[in-house]
């Protein structure tokens, strides 16, 4: 049984902001398309191996490093829930507000 990938509202917004930033900065959407494809490729690896990412400070949430980003996700038997995307160049003190707590 294949797992369903669920993007939280926050994760969808972060993804859009990241892809728009690179499209505007580069004057085209080529890099954004490659980045989106890479995110999806790495998420498919998580479907096959849910413990691939590094354990975060929250018990059920793991972080998968993809280039200069971390995809924070949670996995259960039926779903991979993408909680947020984090650009590693940001202030790490702000990260605790991004990861959901139980």
C-alpha atoms as a PDB file:
ATOM      1  CA  UNK A   1       0.000   0.000   0.000  1.00  0.00           C
ATOM      2  CA  UNK A   2       1.453   3.331  -1.059  1.00  0.00           C
ATOM      3  CA  UNK A   3       1.617   6.121   1.468  1.00  0.00           C
ATOM      4  CA  UNK A   4      -0.194   9.354   0.796  1.00  0.00           C
ATOM      5  CA  UNK A   5       1.870  12.543   0.888  1.00  0.00           C
ATOM      6  CA  UNK A   6       0.144  15.367   2.765  1.00  0.00           C
ATOM      7  CA  UNK A   7       1.557  18.901   2.578  1.00  0.00           C
ATOM      8  CA  UNK A   8       0.500  21.105   5.491  1.00  0.00           C
ATOM      9  CA  UNK A   9      -0.753  24.576   4.670  1.00  0.00           C
ATOM     10  CA  UNK A  10       2.465  26.058   6.102  1.00  0.00           C
ATOM     11  CA  UNK A  11       4.611  23.721   3.983  1.00  0.00           C
ATOM     12  CA  UNK A  12       2.718  24.634   0.807  1.00  0.00           C
ATOM     13  CA  UNK A  13       3.223  28.337   1.492  1.00  0.00           C
ATOM     14  CA  UNK A  14       6.936  27.871   2.229  1.00  0.00           C
ATOM     15  CA  UNK A  15       7.370  25.816  -0.947  1.00  0.00           C
ATOM     16  CA  UNK A  16       5.642  28.500  -3.032  1.00  0.00           C
ATOM     17  CA  UNK A  17       7.767  31.271  -1.468  1.00  0.00           C
ATOM     18  CA  UNK A  18      10.995  29.353  -2.105  1.00  0.00           C
ATOM     19  CA  UNK A  19      10.141  28.523  -5.714  1.00  0.00           C
ATOM     20  CA  UNK A  20       8.946  32.071  -6.438  1.00  0.00           C
ATOM     21  CA  UNK A  21      12.096  33.547  -4.917  1.00  0.00           C
ATOM     22  CA  UNK A  22      14.367  31.570  -7.248  1.00  0.00           C
ATOM     23  CA  UNK A  23      12.143  32.207 -10.272  1.00  0.00           C
ATOM     24  CA  UNK A  24      12.258  35.956  -9.647  1.00  0.00           C
ATOM     25  CA  UNK A  25      15.953  36.033  -8.787  1.00  0.00           C
ATOM     26  CA  UNK A  26      16.966  34.013 -11.839  1.00  0.00           C
ATOM     27  CA  UNK A  27      14.477  35.558 -14.253  1.00  0.00           C
ATOM     28  CA  UNK A  28      13.102  32.130 -15.207  1.00  0.00           C
ATOM     29  CA  UNK A  29      11.615  29.035 -13.606  1.00  0.00           C
ATOM     30  CA  UNK A  30      14.245  26.478 -14.617  1.00  0.00           C
ATOM     31  CA  UNK A  31      15.975  26.260 -11.229  1.00  0.00           C
ATOM     32  CA  UNK A  32      12.635  26.327  -9.399  1.00  0.00           C
ATOM     33  CA  UNK A  33      11.433  23.396 -11.500  1.00  0.00           C
ATOM     34  CA  UNK A  34      14.637  21.456 -10.759  1.00  0.00           C
ATOM     35  CA  UNK A  35      14.323  22.220  -7.054  1.00  0.00           C
ATOM     36  CA  UNK A  36      10.682  21.112  -6.985  1.00  0.00           C
ATOM     37  CA  UNK A  37      11.604  17.901  -8.786  1.00  0.00           C
ATOM     38  CA  UNK A  38      14.424  17.268  -6.295  1.00  0.00           C
ATOM     39  CA  UNK A  39      12.117  17.795  -3.298  1.00  0.00           C
ATOM     40  CA  UNK A  40       9.651  15.281  -4.740  1.00  0.00           C
ATOM     41  CA  UNK A  41      12.407  12.775  -5.506  1.00  0.00           C
ATOM     42  CA  UNK A  42      13.673  12.932  -1.920  1.00  0.00           C
ATOM     43  CA  UNK A  43      10.137  12.649  -0.505  1.00  0.00           C
ATOM     44  CA  UNK A  44       9.645   9.475  -2.564  1.00  0.00           C
ATOM     45  CA  UNK A  45      12.739   8.067  -0.825  1.00  0.00           C
ATOM     46  CA  UNK A  46      11.096   8.848   2.520  1.00  0.00           C
ATOM     47  CA  UNK A  47       8.057   6.824   1.459  1.00  0.00           C
ATOM     48  CA  UNK A  48      10.326   3.786   1.056  1.00  0.00           C
ATOM     49  CA  UNK A  49      12.347   4.528   4.200  1.00  0.00           C
ATOM     50  CA  UNK A  50      10.445   6.725   6.705  1.00  0.00           C
ATOM     51  CA  UNK A  51      13.415   6.871   9.091  1.00  0.00           C
ATOM     52  CA  UNK A  52      15.707   8.375   6.455  1.00  0.00           C
ATOM     53  CA  UNK A  53      15.648  11.865   7.967  1.00  0.00           C
ATOM     54  CA  UNK A  54      17.369  12.982  11.148  1.00  0.00           C
ATOM     55  CA  UNK A  55      15.303  12.867  14.340  1.00  0.00           C
ATOM     56  CA  UNK A  56      14.257  16.381  15.402  1.00  0.00           C
ATOM     57  CA  UNK A  57      13.646  17.610  18.935  1.00  0.00           C
ATOM     58  CA  UNK A  58      10.000  16.538  18.492  1.00  0.00           C
ATOM     59  CA  UNK A  59       9.553  12.772  18.931  1.00  0.00           C
ATOM     60  CA  UNK A  60       7.559  12.075  15.739  1.00  0.00           C
ATOM     61  CA  UNK A  61       9.173  14.601  13.392  1.00  0.00           C
ATOM     62  CA  UNK A  62      12.239  14.006  11.283  1.00  0.00           C
ATOM     63  CA  UNK A  63      14.239  16.359   9.068  1.00  0.00           C
ATOM     64  CA  UNK A  64      15.502  15.414   5.628  1.00  0.00           C
ATOM     65  CA  UNK A  65      18.334  17.556   4.294  1.00  0.00           C
ATOM     66  CA  UNK A  66      17.951  18.446   0.621  1.00  0.00           C
ATOM     67  CA  UNK A  67      20.586  20.836  -0.713  1.00  0.00           C
ATOM     68  CA  UNK A  68      20.259  23.992   1.447  1.00  0.00           C
ATOM     69  CA  UNK A  69      16.869  22.991   2.859  1.00  0.00           C
ATOM     70  CA  UNK A  70      15.447  20.701   5.491  1.00  0.00           C
ATOM     71  CA  UNK A  71      12.094  19.041   4.901  1.00  0.00           C
ATOM     72  CA  UNK A  72      10.437  18.393   8.268  1.00  0.00           C
ATOM     73  CA  UNK A  73       8.017  15.499   8.067  1.00  0.00           C
ATOM     74  CA  UNK A  74       6.092  12.993  10.114  1.00  0.00           C
ATOM     75  CA  UNK A  75       5.356   9.447   9.021  1.00  0.00           C
ATOM     76  CA  UNK A  76       2.694   6.958   9.986  1.00  0.00           C
ATOM     77  CA  UNK A  77       1.458   3.747   8.380  1.00  0.00           C
ATOM     78  CA  UNK A  78      -0.666   5.528   5.763  1.00  0.00           C
ATOM     79  CA  UNK A  79       0.852   9.010   5.295  1.00  0.00           C
ATOM     80  CA  UNK A  80       3.919  11.176   5.057  1.00  0.00           C
ATOM     81  CA  UNK A  81       2.973  14.590   6.444  1.00  0.00           C
ATOM     82  CA  UNK A  82       5.242  17.436   5.316  1.00  0.00           C
ATOM     83  CA  UNK A  83       5.097  20.020   8.103  1.00  0.00           C
ATOM     84  CA  UNK A  84       7.466  22.674   6.786  1.00  0.00           C
ATOM     85  CA  UNK A  85      10.506  23.471   4.658  1.00  0.00           C
ATOM     86  CA  UNK A  86      13.412  25.248   6.279  1.00  0.00           C
ATOM     87  CA  UNK A  87      16.167  27.071   4.434  1.00  0.00           C
ATOM     88  CA  UNK A  88      19.375  26.391   6.346  1.00  0.00           C
ATOM     89  CA  UNK A  89      20.627  29.967   5.849  1.00  0.00           C
ATOM     90  CA  UNK A  90      17.979  31.282   8.248  1.00  0.00           C
ATOM     91  CA  UNK A  91      18.455  32.066  11.915  1.00  0.00           C
ATOM     92  CA  UNK A  92      18.179  28.690  13.715  1.00  0.00           C
ATOM     93  CA  UNK A  93      16.552  30.356  16.731  1.00  0.00           C
ATOM     94  CA  UNK A  94      13.401  30.808  14.632  1.00  0.00           C
ATOM     95  CA  UNK A  95      13.182  27.106  13.786  1.00  0.00           C
ATOM     96  CA  UNK A  96      11.332  26.114  16.960  1.00  0.00           C
ATOM     97  CA  UNK A  97       8.336  28.172  15.806  1.00  0.00           C
ATOM     98  CA  UNK A  98       8.249  26.249  12.520  1.00  0.00           C
ATOM     99  CA  UNK A  99       8.073  22.700  13.872  1.00  0.00           C
ATOM    100  CA  UNK A 100       4.730  21.673  15.353  1.00  0.00           C
ATOM    101  CA  UNK A 101       4.645  20.468  18.939  1.00  0.00           C
ATOM    102  CA  UNK A 102       2.366  17.806  20.320  1.00  0.00           C
END
